[in-house]
Amino acid sequence: MRGLGRWRASAASRDPAECQRIVRKIISLADRYRVPAIYPYRFFAELGGLLSYGIDQLDNFRRAATYVDRILKGARPSELPVQVPVKFELVINLKTAKALGLTIPPLLLARADAVIE
């Protein structure tokens, strides 16, 4: 795994509370060292991260539910097509941008699915 200078990190946990604690710590370290970081999921930006760009998890859960429905109605899982994420979202946290002294270009703000102020 490559990192910035000497910084390298990896974290994993099955406990949701522990995951949230780890996420908050990562965001707090990025803020402390003034690292403008981009995260993979919306909740990172909602918890104070600068920006997130990744799959729309709610959309994926909805699509998974349709698969479960089809299987419960008798479809054979081996005959169902493989699905890939089709909806991605960009979330920008302007409060964090301001704290980092960054100006987000208007074009990027216009393309964002959500802007946290």
PDB file of N, CA and C in Angstrom:
ATOM      1  N   MET A   1       0.844  -1.171   0.000  1.00  0.00           N
ATOM      2  CA  MET A   1       0.000   0.000   0.000  1.00  0.00           C
ATOM      3  C   MET A   1       0.893   1.239   0.000  1.00  0.00           C
ATOM      4  N   ARG A   2       0.600   2.181  -0.879  1.00  0.00           N
ATOM      5  CA  ARG A   2       1.385   3.412  -0.951  1.00  0.00           C
ATOM      6  C   ARG A   2       0.712   4.477  -0.113  1.00  0.00           C
ATOM      7  N   GLY A   3       1.492   5.388   0.398  1.00  0.00           N
ATOM      8  CA  GLY A   3       0.937   6.442   1.227  1.00  0.00           C
ATOM      9  C   GLY A   3       1.596   7.772   0.943  1.00  0.00           C
ATOM     10  N   LEU A   4       1.203   8.779   1.686  1.00  0.00           N
ATOM     11  CA  LEU A   4       1.825  10.097   1.595  1.00  0.00           C
ATOM     12  C   LEU A   4       3.049  10.091   2.489  1.00  0.00           C
ATOM     13  N   GLY A   5       4.212  10.179   1.904  1.00  0.00           N
ATOM     14  CA  GLY A   5       5.422  10.183   2.715  1.00  0.00           C
ATOM     15  C   GLY A   5       5.507   8.912   3.543  1.00  0.00           C
ATOM     16  N   ARG A   6       5.585   9.081   4.850  1.00  0.00           N
ATOM     17  CA  ARG A   6       5.690   7.923   5.736  1.00  0.00           C
ATOM     18  C   ARG A   6       4.340   7.410   6.208  1.00  0.00           C
ATOM     19  N   TRP A   7       3.255   8.064   5.826  1.00  0.00           N
ATOM     20  CA  TRP A   7       1.921   7.665   6.297  1.00  0.00           C
ATOM     21  C   TRP A   7       1.376   6.504   5.477  1.00  0.00           C
ATOM     22  N   ARG A   8       1.030   5.447   6.155  1.00  0.00           N
ATOM     23  CA  ARG A   8       0.400   4.287   5.537  1.00  0.00           C
ATOM     24  C   ARG A   8      -0.652   3.781   6.519  1.00  0.00           C
ATOM     25  N   ALA A   9      -1.785   3.392   5.982  1.00  0.00           N
ATOM     26  CA  ALA A   9      -2.836   2.947   6.895  1.00  0.00           C
ATOM     27  C   ALA A   9      -3.772   1.956   6.231  1.00  0.00           C
ATOM     28  N   SER A  10      -4.346   1.120   7.065  1.00  0.00           N
ATOM     29  CA  SER A  10      -5.388   0.199   6.650  1.00  0.00           C
ATOM     30  C   SER A  10      -6.181  -0.152   7.900  1.00  0.00           C
ATOM     31  N   ALA A  11      -7.488  -0.232   7.774  1.00  0.00           N
ATOM     32  CA  ALA A  11      -8.311  -0.559   8.933  1.00  0.00           C
ATOM     33  C   ALA A  11      -9.506  -1.386   8.492  1.00  0.00           C
ATOM     34  N   ALA A  12      -9.902  -2.322   9.335  1.00  0.00           N
ATOM     35  CA  ALA A  12     -11.074  -3.138   9.044  1.00  0.00           C
ATOM     36  C   ALA A  12     -11.732  -3.546  10.352  1.00  0.00           C
ATOM     37  N   SER A  13     -13.055  -3.617  10.332  1.00  0.00           N
ATOM     38  CA  SER A  13     -13.791  -4.050  11.505  1.00  0.00           C
ATOM     39  C   SER A  13     -15.171  -4.507  11.074  1.00  0.00           C
ATOM     40  N   ARG A  14     -15.707  -5.476  11.779  1.00  0.00           N
ATOM     41  CA  ARG A  14     -17.056  -5.958  11.490  1.00  0.00           C
ATOM     42  C   ARG A  14     -18.089  -5.239  12.353  1.00  0.00           C
ATOM     43  N   ASP A  15     -17.635  -4.541  13.390  1.00  0.00           N
ATOM     44  CA  ASP A  15     -18.528  -3.847  14.304  1.00  0.00           C
ATOM     45  C   ASP A  15     -18.820  -2.441  13.770  1.00  0.00           C
ATOM     46  N   PRO A  16     -20.096  -2.107  13.481  1.00  0.00           N
ATOM     47  CA  PRO A  16     -20.423  -0.787  12.922  1.00  0.00           C
ATOM     48  C   PRO A  16     -19.965   0.380  13.802  1.00  0.00           C
ATOM     49  N   ALA A  17     -20.074   0.236  15.111  1.00  0.00           N
ATOM     50  CA  ALA A  17     -19.631   1.313  16.011  1.00  0.00           C
ATOM     51  C   ALA A  17     -18.122   1.509  15.916  1.00  0.00           C
ATOM     52  N   GLU A  18     -17.400   0.429  15.815  1.00  0.00           N
ATOM     53  CA  GLU A  18     -15.939   0.508  15.679  1.00  0.00           C
ATOM     54  C   GLU A  18     -15.568   1.119  14.335  1.00  0.00           C
ATOM     55  N   CYS A  19     -16.288   0.738  13.278  1.00  0.00           N
ATOM     56  CA  CYS A  19     -16.039   1.316  11.951  1.00  0.00           C
ATOM     57  C   CYS A  19     -16.222   2.827  11.995  1.00  0.00           C
ATOM     58  N   GLN A  20     -17.304   3.275  12.625  1.00  0.00           N
ATOM     59  CA  GLN A  20     -17.547   4.714  12.694  1.00  0.00           C
ATOM     60  C   GLN A  20     -16.452   5.423  13.486  1.00  0.00           C
ATOM     61  N   ARG A  21     -15.966   4.787  14.558  1.00  0.00           N
ATOM     62  CA  ARG A  21     -14.879   5.378  15.336  1.00  0.00           C
ATOM     63  C   ARG A  21     -13.622   5.498  14.479  1.00  0.00           C
ATOM     64  N   ILE A  22     -13.319   4.470  13.691  1.00  0.00           N
ATOM     65  CA  ILE A  22     -12.143   4.488  12.825  1.00  0.00           C
ATOM     66  C   ILE A  22     -12.292   5.575  11.757  1.00  0.00           C
ATOM     67  N   VAL A  23     -13.477   5.671  11.155  1.00  0.00           N
ATOM     68  CA  VAL A  23     -13.730   6.693  10.132  1.00  0.00           C
ATOM     69  C   VAL A  23     -13.540   8.083  10.719  1.00  0.00           C
ATOM     70  N   ARG A  24     -14.111   8.318  11.901  1.00  0.00           N
ATOM     71  CA  ARG A  24     -13.958   9.634  12.557  1.00  0.00           C
ATOM     72  C   ARG A  24     -12.485   9.946  12.834  1.00  0.00           C
ATOM     73  N   LYS A  25     -11.720   8.935  13.222  1.00  0.00           N
ATOM     74  CA  LYS A  25     -10.291   9.132  13.500  1.00  0.00           C
ATOM     75  C   LYS A  25      -9.539   9.481  12.213  1.00  0.00           C
ATOM     76  N   ILE A  26      -9.847   8.777  11.118  1.00  0.00           N
ATOM     77  CA  ILE A  26      -9.204   9.058   9.834  1.00  0.00           C
ATOM     78  C   ILE A  26      -9.504  10.489   9.396  1.00  0.00           C
ATOM     79  N   ILE A  27     -10.764  10.894   9.501  1.00  0.00           N
ATOM     80  CA  ILE A  27     -11.160  12.251   9.113  1.00  0.00           C
ATOM     81  C   ILE A  27     -10.486  13.275   9.997  1.00  0.00           C
ATOM     82  N   SER A  28     -10.430  12.997  11.295  1.00  0.00           N
ATOM     83  CA  SER A  28      -9.798  13.944  12.222  1.00  0.00           C
ATOM     84  C   SER A  28      -8.297  14.095  11.937  1.00  0.00           C
ATOM     85  N   LEU A  29      -7.631  12.999  11.590  1.00  0.00           N
ATOM     86  CA  LEU A  29      -6.203  13.088  11.249  1.00  0.00           C
ATOM     87  C   LEU A  29      -5.996  13.863   9.945  1.00  0.00           C
ATOM     88  N   ALA A  30      -6.860  13.626   8.961  1.00  0.00           N
ATOM     89  CA  ALA A  30      -6.759  14.380   7.706  1.00  0.00           C
ATOM     90  C   ALA A  30      -6.943  15.873   7.973  1.00  0.00           C
ATOM     91  N   ASP A  31      -7.889  16.213   8.835  1.00  0.00           N
ATOM     92  CA  ASP A  31      -8.111  17.620   9.187  1.00  0.00           C
ATOM     93  C   ASP A  31      -6.918  18.202   9.941  1.00  0.00           C
ATOM     94  N   ARG A  32      -6.430  17.461  10.919  1.00  0.00           N
ATOM     95  CA  ARG A  32      -5.312  17.959  11.746  1.00  0.00           C
ATOM     96  C   ARG A  32      -4.083  18.256  10.890  1.00  0.00           C
ATOM     97  N   TYR A  33      -3.795  17.367   9.944  1.00  0.00           N
ATOM     98  CA  TYR A  33      -2.610  17.548   9.108  1.00  0.00           C
ATOM     99  C   TYR A  33      -2.928  18.253   7.788  1.00  0.00           C
ATOM    100  N   ARG A  34      -4.158  18.768   7.705  1.00  0.00           N
ATOM    101  CA  ARG A  34      -4.603  19.563   6.566  1.00  0.00           C
ATOM    102  C   ARG A  34      -4.403  18.825   5.237  1.00  0.00           C
ATOM    103  N   VAL A  35      -4.824  17.571   5.218  1.00  0.00           N
ATOM    104  CA  VAL A  35      -4.756  16.746   4.020  1.00  0.00           C
ATOM    105  C   VAL A  35      -6.137  16.746   3.362  1.00  0.00           C
ATOM    106  N   PRO A  36      -6.275  17.337   2.197  1.00  0.00           N
ATOM    107  CA  PRO A  36      -7.578  17.320   1.514  1.00  0.00           C
ATOM    108  C   PRO A  36      -7.839  15.931   0.929  1.00  0.00           C
ATOM    109  N   ALA A  37      -8.614  15.148   1.641  1.00  0.00           N
ATOM    110  CA  ALA A  37      -8.813  13.740   1.279  1.00  0.00           C
ATOM    111  C   ALA A  37     -10.154  13.505   0.592  1.00  0.00           C
ATOM    112  N   ILE A  38     -10.161  12.544  -0.312  1.00  0.00           N
ATOM    113  CA  ILE A  38     -11.367  12.108  -1.005  1.00  0.00           C
ATOM    114  C   ILE A  38     -11.675  10.701  -0.499  1.00  0.00           C
ATOM    115  N   TYR A  39     -12.937  10.480  -0.162  1.00  0.00           N
ATOM    116  CA  TYR A  39     -13.352   9.220   0.444  1.00  0.00           C
ATOM    117  C   TYR A  39     -14.298   8.457  -0.479  1.00  0.00           C
ATOM    118  N   PRO A  40     -14.469   7.141  -0.230  1.00  0.00           N
ATOM    119  CA  PRO A  40     -15.264   6.332  -1.154  1.00  0.00           C
ATOM    120  C   PRO A  40     -16.773   6.315  -0.909  1.00  0.00           C
ATOM    121  N   TYR A  41     -17.216   6.761   0.273  1.00  0.00           N
ATOM    122  CA  TYR A  41     -18.637   6.671   0.583  1.00  0.00           C
ATOM    123  C   TYR A  41     -19.176   7.975   1.144  1.00  0.00           C
ATOM    124  N   ARG A  42     -20.446   8.231   0.890  1.00  0.00           N
ATOM    125  CA  ARG A  42     -21.134   9.448   1.298  1.00  0.00           C
ATOM    126  C   ARG A  42     -20.969   9.750   2.790  1.00  0.00           C
ATOM    127  N   PHE A  43     -21.070   8.728   3.643  1.00  0.00           N
ATOM    128  CA  PHE A  43     -21.054   8.983   5.076  1.00  0.00           C
ATOM    129  C   PHE A  43     -19.738   9.595   5.554  1.00  0.00           C
ATOM    130  N   PHE A  44     -18.645   9.400   4.804  1.00  0.00           N
ATOM    131  CA  PHE A  44     -17.380  10.046   5.167  1.00  0.00           C
ATOM    132  C   PHE A  44     -17.541  11.563   5.089  1.00  0.00           C
ATOM    133  N   ALA A  45     -18.134  12.059   4.019  1.00  0.00           N
ATOM    134  CA  ALA A  45     -18.355  13.503   3.872  1.00  0.00           C
ATOM    135  C   ALA A  45     -19.356  13.992   4.912  1.00  0.00           C
ATOM    136  N   GLU A  46     -20.365  13.186   5.199  1.00  0.00           N
ATOM    137  CA  GLU A  46     -21.360  13.572   6.196  1.00  0.00           C
ATOM    138  C   GLU A  46     -20.742  13.663   7.591  1.00  0.00           C
ATOM    139  N   LEU A  47     -19.686  12.881   7.847  1.00  0.00           N
ATOM    140  CA  LEU A  47     -19.011  12.917   9.142  1.00  0.00           C
ATOM    141  C   LEU A  47     -17.894  13.957   9.200  1.00  0.00           C
ATOM    142  N   GLY A  48     -17.701  14.722   8.121  1.00  0.00           N
ATOM    143  CA  GLY A  48     -16.710  15.789   8.151  1.00  0.00           C
ATOM    144  C   GLY A  48     -15.601  15.673   7.130  1.00  0.00           C
ATOM    145  N   GLY A  49     -15.598  14.631   6.321  1.00  0.00           N
ATOM    146  CA  GLY A  49     -14.593  14.506   5.271  1.00  0.00           C
ATOM    147  C   GLY A  49     -14.838  15.546   4.185  1.00  0.00           C
ATOM    148  N   LEU A  50     -13.807  15.901   3.451  1.00  0.00           N
ATOM    149  CA  LEU A  50     -13.907  16.943   2.433  1.00  0.00           C
ATOM    150  C   LEU A  50     -14.838  16.559   1.288  1.00  0.00           C
ATOM    151  N   LEU A  51     -14.630  15.377   0.735  1.00  0.00           N
ATOM    152  CA  LEU A  51     -15.342  15.023  -0.487  1.00  0.00           C
ATOM    153  C   LEU A  51     -15.460  13.509  -0.566  1.00  0.00           C
ATOM    154  N   SER A  52     -16.582  13.036  -1.100  1.00  0.00           N
ATOM    155  CA  SER A  52     -16.695  11.602  -1.356  1.00  0.00           C
ATOM    156  C   SER A  52     -17.199  11.406  -2.774  1.00  0.00           C
ATOM    157  N   TYR A  53     -16.681  10.368  -3.398  1.00  0.00           N
ATOM    158  CA  TYR A  53     -17.151   9.980  -4.728  1.00  0.00           C
ATOM    159  C   TYR A  53     -17.133   8.464  -4.778  1.00  0.00           C
ATOM    160  N   GLY A  54     -18.283   7.885  -4.989  1.00  0.00           N
ATOM    161  CA  GLY A  54     -18.346   6.437  -5.047  1.00  0.00           C
ATOM    162  C   GLY A  54     -19.747   5.969  -5.355  1.00  0.00           C
ATOM    163  N   ILE A  55     -19.936   4.677  -5.211  1.00  0.00           N
ATOM    164  CA  ILE A  55     -21.234   4.090  -5.524  1.00  0.00           C
ATOM    165  C   ILE A  55     -22.299   4.616  -4.570  1.00  0.00           C
ATOM    166  N   ASP A  56     -23.526   4.679  -5.080  1.00  0.00           N
ATOM    167  CA  ASP A  56     -24.669   5.040  -4.250  1.00  0.00           C
ATOM    168  C   ASP A  56     -25.106   3.753  -3.560  1.00  0.00           C
ATOM    169  N   GLN A  57     -24.763   3.619  -2.284  1.00  0.00           N
ATOM    170  CA  GLN A  57     -25.028   2.373  -1.568  1.00  0.00           C
ATOM    171  C   GLN A  57     -26.523   2.072  -1.462  1.00  0.00           C
ATOM    172  N   LEU A  58     -27.345   3.086  -1.266  1.00  0.00           N
ATOM    173  CA  LEU A  58     -28.791   2.846  -1.177  1.00  0.00           C
ATOM    174  C   LEU A  58     -29.331   2.261  -2.473  1.00  0.00           C
ATOM    175  N   ASP A  59     -28.851   2.773  -3.592  1.00  0.00           N
ATOM    176  CA  ASP A  59     -29.278   2.232  -4.883  1.00  0.00           C
ATOM    177  C   ASP A  59     -28.870   0.770  -5.008  1.00  0.00           C
ATOM    178  N   ASN A  60     -27.662   0.432  -4.572  1.00  0.00           N
ATOM    179  CA  ASN A  60     -27.203  -0.962  -4.635  1.00  0.00           C
ATOM    180  C   ASN A  60     -28.049  -1.865  -3.749  1.00  0.00           C
ATOM    181  N   PHE A  61     -28.436  -1.375  -2.563  1.00  0.00           N
ATOM    182  CA  PHE A  61     -29.282  -2.175  -1.672  1.00  0.00           C
ATOM    183  C   PHE A  61     -30.656  -2.415  -2.310  1.00  0.00           C
ATOM    184  N   ARG A  62     -31.207  -1.384  -2.940  1.00  0.00           N
ATOM    185  CA  ARG A  62     -32.505  -1.535  -3.606  1.00  0.00           C
ATOM    186  C   ARG A  62     -32.415  -2.573  -4.730  1.00  0.00           C
ATOM    187  N   ARG A  63     -31.332  -2.482  -5.496  1.00  0.00           N
ATOM    188  CA  ARG A  63     -31.151  -3.429  -6.600  1.00  0.00           C
ATOM    189  C   ARG A  63     -30.943  -4.844  -6.078  1.00  0.00           C
ATOM    190  N   ALA A  64     -30.248  -4.988  -4.955  1.00  0.00           N
ATOM    191  CA  ALA A  64     -30.064  -6.315  -4.353  1.00  0.00           C
ATOM    192  C   ALA A  64     -31.408  -6.885  -3.906  1.00  0.00           C
ATOM    193  N   ALA A  65     -32.279  -6.015  -3.399  1.00  0.00           N
ATOM    194  CA  ALA A  65     -33.606  -6.466  -2.960  1.00  0.00           C
ATOM    195  C   ALA A  65     -34.399  -7.048  -4.134  1.00  0.00           C
ATOM    196  N   THR A  66     -34.244  -6.479  -5.326  1.00  0.00           N
ATOM    197  CA  THR A  66     -34.968  -7.030  -6.481  1.00  0.00           C
ATOM    198  C   THR A  66     -34.422  -8.416  -6.839  1.00  0.00           C
ATOM    199  N   TYR A  67     -33.125  -8.619  -6.623  1.00  0.00           N
ATOM    200  CA  TYR A  67     -32.541  -9.947  -6.857  1.00  0.00           C
ATOM    201  C   TYR A  67     -33.115 -10.954  -5.876  1.00  0.00           C
ATOM    202  N   VAL A  68     -33.171 -10.570  -4.609  1.00  0.00           N
ATOM    203  CA  VAL A  68     -33.724 -11.460  -3.588  1.00  0.00           C
ATOM    204  C   VAL A  68     -35.165 -11.805  -3.943  1.00  0.00           C
ATOM    205  N   ASP A  69     -35.930 -10.805  -4.365  1.00  0.00           N
ATOM    206  CA  ASP A  69     -37.319 -11.019  -4.757  1.00  0.00           C
ATOM    207  C   ASP A  69     -37.418 -12.033  -5.899  1.00  0.00           C
ATOM    208  N   ARG A  70     -36.571 -11.882  -6.886  1.00  0.00           N
ATOM    209  CA  ARG A  70     -36.604 -12.800  -8.032  1.00  0.00           C
ATOM    210  C   ARG A  70     -36.246 -14.222  -7.608  1.00  0.00           C
ATOM    211  N   ILE A  71     -35.273 -14.349  -6.718  1.00  0.00           N
ATOM    212  CA  ILE A  71     -34.855 -15.680  -6.246  1.00  0.00           C
ATOM    213  C   ILE A  71     -35.980 -16.323  -5.428  1.00  0.00           C
ATOM    214  N   LEU A  72     -36.600 -15.521  -4.556  1.00  0.00           N
ATOM    215  CA  LEU A  72     -37.697 -16.049  -3.737  1.00  0.00           C
ATOM    216  C   LEU A  72     -38.908 -16.441  -4.582  1.00  0.00           C
ATOM    217  N   LYS A  73     -39.018 -15.848  -5.759  1.00  0.00           N
ATOM    218  CA  LYS A  73     -40.116 -16.185  -6.661  1.00  0.00           C
ATOM    219  C   LYS A  73     -39.762 -17.349  -7.589  1.00  0.00           C
ATOM    220  N   GLY A  74     -38.566 -17.947  -7.377  1.00  0.00           N
ATOM    221  CA  GLY A  74     -38.221 -19.148  -8.120  1.00  0.00           C
ATOM    222  C   GLY A  74     -37.105 -19.026  -9.143  1.00  0.00           C
ATOM    223  N   ALA A  75     -36.592 -17.839  -9.373  1.00  0.00           N
ATOM    224  CA  ALA A  75     -35.495 -17.702 -10.344  1.00  0.00           C
ATOM    225  C   ALA A  75     -34.257 -18.425  -9.819  1.00  0.00           C
ATOM    226  N   ARG A  76     -33.528 -18.999 -10.732  1.00  0.00           N
ATOM    227  CA  ARG A  76     -32.285 -19.674 -10.349  1.00  0.00           C
ATOM    228  C   ARG A  76     -31.161 -18.635 -10.297  1.00  0.00           C
ATOM    229  N   PRO A  77     -30.480 -18.508  -9.169  1.00  0.00           N
ATOM    230  CA  PRO A  77     -29.412 -17.506  -9.050  1.00  0.00           C
ATOM    231  C   PRO A  77     -28.357 -17.615 -10.149  1.00  0.00           C
ATOM    232  N   SER A  78     -28.050 -18.828 -10.566  1.00  0.00           N
ATOM    233  CA  SER A  78     -27.019 -19.012 -11.599  1.00  0.00           C
ATOM    234  C   SER A  78     -27.461 -18.464 -12.957  1.00  0.00           C
ATOM    235  N   GLU A  79     -28.755 -18.224 -13.135  1.00  0.00           N
ATOM    236  CA  GLU A  79     -29.254 -17.710 -14.402  1.00  0.00           C
ATOM    237  C   GLU A  79     -29.482 -16.202 -14.391  1.00  0.00           C
ATOM    238  N   LEU A  80     -29.299 -15.572 -13.236  1.00  0.00           N
ATOM    239  CA  LEU A  80     -29.469 -14.120 -13.151  1.00  0.00           C
ATOM    240  C   LEU A  80     -28.190 -13.429 -13.634  1.00  0.00           C
ATOM    241  N   PRO A  81     -28.323 -12.333 -14.350  1.00  0.00           N
ATOM    242  CA  PRO A  81     -27.128 -11.636 -14.837  1.00  0.00           C
ATOM    243  C   PRO A  81     -26.347 -10.982 -13.691  1.00  0.00           C
ATOM    244  N   VAL A  82     -25.061 -10.882 -13.901  1.00  0.00           N
ATOM    245  CA  VAL A  82     -24.203 -10.202 -12.934  1.00  0.00           C
ATOM    246  C   VAL A  82     -24.533  -8.710 -12.966  1.00  0.00           C
ATOM    247  N   GLN A  83     -24.629  -8.126 -11.791  1.00  0.00           N
ATOM    248  CA  GLN A  83     -24.937  -6.698 -11.694  1.00  0.00           C
ATOM    249  C   GLN A  83     -23.693  -5.932 -11.265  1.00  0.00           C
ATOM    250  N   VAL A  84     -23.560  -4.731 -11.754  1.00  0.00           N
ATOM    251  CA  VAL A  84     -22.488  -3.827 -11.341  1.00  0.00           C
ATOM    252  C   VAL A  84     -23.135  -2.499 -10.933  1.00  0.00           C
ATOM    253  N   PRO A  85     -22.458  -1.732 -10.080  1.00  0.00           N
ATOM    254  CA  PRO A  85     -23.026  -0.434  -9.701  1.00  0.00           C
ATOM    255  C   PRO A  85     -23.248   0.440 -10.940  1.00  0.00           C
ATOM    256  N   VAL A  86     -24.379   1.135 -10.961  1.00  0.00           N
ATOM    257  CA  VAL A  86     -24.671   2.007 -12.092  1.00  0.00           C
ATOM    258  C   VAL A  86     -24.866   3.460 -11.660  1.00  0.00           C
ATOM    259  N   LYS A  87     -25.034   3.669 -10.359  1.00  0.00           N
ATOM    260  CA  LYS A  87     -25.255   5.022  -9.873  1.00  0.00           C
ATOM    261  C   LYS A  87     -24.123   5.404  -8.916  1.00  0.00           C
ATOM    262  N   PHE A  88     -23.472   6.514  -9.236  1.00  0.00           N
ATOM    263  CA  PHE A  88     -22.388   7.023  -8.407  1.00  0.00           C
ATOM    264  C   PHE A  88     -22.792   8.400  -7.899  1.00  0.00           C
ATOM    265  N   GLU A  89     -22.215   8.795  -6.762  1.00  0.00           N
ATOM    266  CA  GLU A  89     -22.569  10.102  -6.227  1.00  0.00           C
ATOM    267  C   GLU A  89     -21.342  10.860  -5.741  1.00  0.00           C
ATOM    268  N   LEU A  90     -21.414  12.168  -5.940  1.00  0.00           N
ATOM    269  CA  LEU A  90     -20.374  13.088  -5.508  1.00  0.00           C
ATOM    270  C   LEU A  90     -20.957  13.951  -4.396  1.00  0.00           C
ATOM    271  N   VAL A  91     -20.313  13.936  -3.229  1.00  0.00           N
ATOM    272  CA  VAL A  91     -20.759  14.724  -2.086  1.00  0.00           C
ATOM    273  C   VAL A  91     -19.594  15.611  -1.652  1.00  0.00           C
ATOM    274  N   ILE A  92     -19.863  16.908  -1.507  1.00  0.00           N
ATOM    275  CA  ILE A  92     -18.834  17.880  -1.129  1.00  0.00           C
ATOM    276  C   ILE A  92     -19.218  18.520   0.192  1.00  0.00           C
ATOM    277  N   ASN A  93     -18.265  18.586   1.111  1.00  0.00           N
ATOM    278  CA  ASN A  93     -18.480  19.216   2.408  1.00  0.00           C
ATOM    279  C   ASN A  93     -17.810  20.592   2.384  1.00  0.00           C
ATOM    280  N   LEU A  94     -18.615  21.640   2.194  1.00  0.00           N
ATOM    281  CA  LEU A  94     -18.070  23.000   2.103  1.00  0.00           C
ATOM    282  C   LEU A  94     -17.511  23.499   3.427  1.00  0.00           C
ATOM    283  N   LYS A  95     -18.073  23.020   4.519  1.00  0.00           N
ATOM    284  CA  LYS A  95     -17.578  23.419   5.837  1.00  0.00           C
ATOM    285  C   LYS A  95     -16.121  22.973   6.007  1.00  0.00           C
ATOM    286  N   THR A  96     -15.842  21.741   5.593  1.00  0.00           N
ATOM    287  CA  THR A  96     -14.477  21.217   5.674  1.00  0.00           C
ATOM    288  C   THR A  96     -13.565  21.934   4.685  1.00  0.00           C
ATOM    289  N   ALA A  97     -14.075  22.216   3.488  1.00  0.00           N
ATOM    290  CA  ALA A  97     -13.273  22.942   2.490  1.00  0.00           C
ATOM    291  C   ALA A  97     -12.846  24.300   3.040  1.00  0.00           C
ATOM    292  N   LYS A  98     -13.779  24.979   3.675  1.00  0.00           N
ATOM    293  CA  LYS A  98     -13.471  26.296   4.250  1.00  0.00           C
ATOM    294  C   LYS A  98     -12.423  26.165   5.351  1.00  0.00           C
ATOM    295  N   ALA A  99     -12.556  25.154   6.209  1.00  0.00           N
ATOM    296  CA  ALA A  99     -11.588  24.937   7.290  1.00  0.00           C
ATOM    297  C   ALA A  99     -10.190  24.647   6.742  1.00  0.00           C
ATOM    298  N   LEU A 100     -10.121  24.021   5.570  1.00  0.00           N
ATOM    299  CA  LEU A 100      -8.834  23.711   4.942  1.00  0.00           C
ATOM    300  C   LEU A 100      -8.321  24.860   4.072  1.00  0.00           C
ATOM    301  N   GLY A 101      -9.132  25.909   3.946  1.00  0.00           N
ATOM    302  CA  GLY A 101      -8.733  27.049   3.115  1.00  0.00           C
ATOM    303  C   GLY A 101      -8.840  26.760   1.633  1.00  0.00           C
ATOM    304  N   LEU A 102      -9.754  25.884   1.251  1.00  0.00           N
ATOM    305  CA  LEU A 102      -9.907  25.509  -0.153  1.00  0.00           C
ATOM    306  C   LEU A 102     -11.144  26.166  -0.748  1.00  0.00           C
ATOM    307  N   THR A 103     -11.048  26.504  -2.015  1.00  0.00           N
ATOM    308  CA  THR A 103     -12.201  26.998  -2.754  1.00  0.00           C
ATOM    309  C   THR A 103     -12.586  25.926  -3.762  1.00  0.00           C
ATOM    310  N   ILE A 104     -13.819  25.473  -3.658  1.00  0.00           N
ATOM    311  CA  ILE A 104     -14.301  24.440  -4.581  1.00  0.00           C
ATOM    312  C   ILE A 104     -14.816  25.141  -5.839  1.00  0.00           C
ATOM    313  N   PRO A 105     -14.342  24.763  -7.017  1.00  0.00           N
ATOM    314  CA  PRO A 105     -14.787  25.410  -8.257  1.00  0.00           C
ATOM    315  C   PRO A 105     -16.305  25.288  -8.445  1.00  0.00           C
ATOM    316  N   PRO A 106     -16.943  26.356  -8.927  1.00  0.00           N
ATOM    317  CA  PRO A 106     -18.394  26.333  -9.130  1.00  0.00           C
ATOM    318  C   PRO A 106     -18.876  25.175 -10.014  1.00  0.00           C
ATOM    319  N   LEU A 107     -18.094  24.819 -11.021  1.00  0.00           N
ATOM    320  CA  LEU A 107     -18.484  23.713 -11.904  1.00  0.00           C
ATOM    321  C   LEU A 107     -18.569  22.398 -11.129  1.00  0.00           C
ATOM    322  N   LEU A 108     -17.626  22.176 -10.227  1.00  0.00           N
ATOM    323  CA  LEU A 108     -17.639  20.964  -9.411  1.00  0.00           C
ATOM    324  C   LEU A 108     -18.831  20.980  -8.455  1.00  0.00           C
ATOM    325  N   LEU A 109     -19.119  22.136  -7.865  1.00  0.00           N
ATOM    326  CA  LEU A 109     -20.280  22.265  -6.978  1.00  0.00           C
ATOM    327  C   LEU A 109     -21.577  21.977  -7.735  1.00  0.00           C
ATOM    328  N   ALA A 110     -21.652  22.448  -8.967  1.00  0.00           N
ATOM    329  CA  ALA A 110     -22.847  22.236  -9.780  1.00  0.00           C
ATOM    330  C   ALA A 110     -23.056  20.758 -10.117  1.00  0.00           C
ATOM    331  N   ARG A 111     -21.970  20.008 -10.227  1.00  0.00           N
ATOM    332  CA  ARG A 111     -22.065  18.586 -10.577  1.00  0.00           C
ATOM    333  C   ARG A 111     -22.312  17.696  -9.375  1.00  0.00           C
ATOM    334  N   ALA A 112     -22.143  18.251  -8.171  1.00  0.00           N
ATOM    335  CA  ALA A 112     -22.293  17.451  -6.952  1.00  0.00           C
ATOM    336  C   ALA A 112     -23.735  17.000  -6.761  1.00  0.00           C
ATOM    337  N   ASP A 113     -23.900  15.791  -6.270  1.00  0.00           N
ATOM    338  CA  ASP A 113     -25.223  15.272  -5.935  1.00  0.00           C
ATOM    339  C   ASP A 113     -25.708  15.869  -4.610  1.00  0.00           C
ATOM    340  N   ALA A 114     -24.762  16.204  -3.736  1.00  0.00           N
ATOM    341  CA  ALA A 114     -25.096  16.824  -2.461  1.00  0.00           C
ATOM    342  C   ALA A 114     -23.948  17.726  -2.031  1.00  0.00           C
ATOM    343  N   VAL A 115     -24.315  18.871  -1.453  1.00  0.00           N
ATOM    344  CA  VAL A 115     -23.331  19.812  -0.923  1.00  0.00           C
ATOM    345  C   VAL A 115     -23.695  20.037   0.541  1.00  0.00           C
ATOM    346  N   ILE A 116     -22.752  19.759   1.423  1.00  0.00           N
ATOM    347  CA  ILE A 116     -22.953  19.939   2.856  1.00  0.00           C
ATOM    348  C   ILE A 116     -22.388  21.310   3.230  1.00  0.00           C
ATOM    349  N   GLU A 117     -23.244  22.148   3.813  1.00  0.00           N
ATOM    350  CA  GLU A 117     -22.791  23.504   4.148  1.00  0.00           C
ATOM    351  C   GLU A 117     -22.661  23.705   5.639  1.00  0.00           C
TER     352      GLU A 117
END
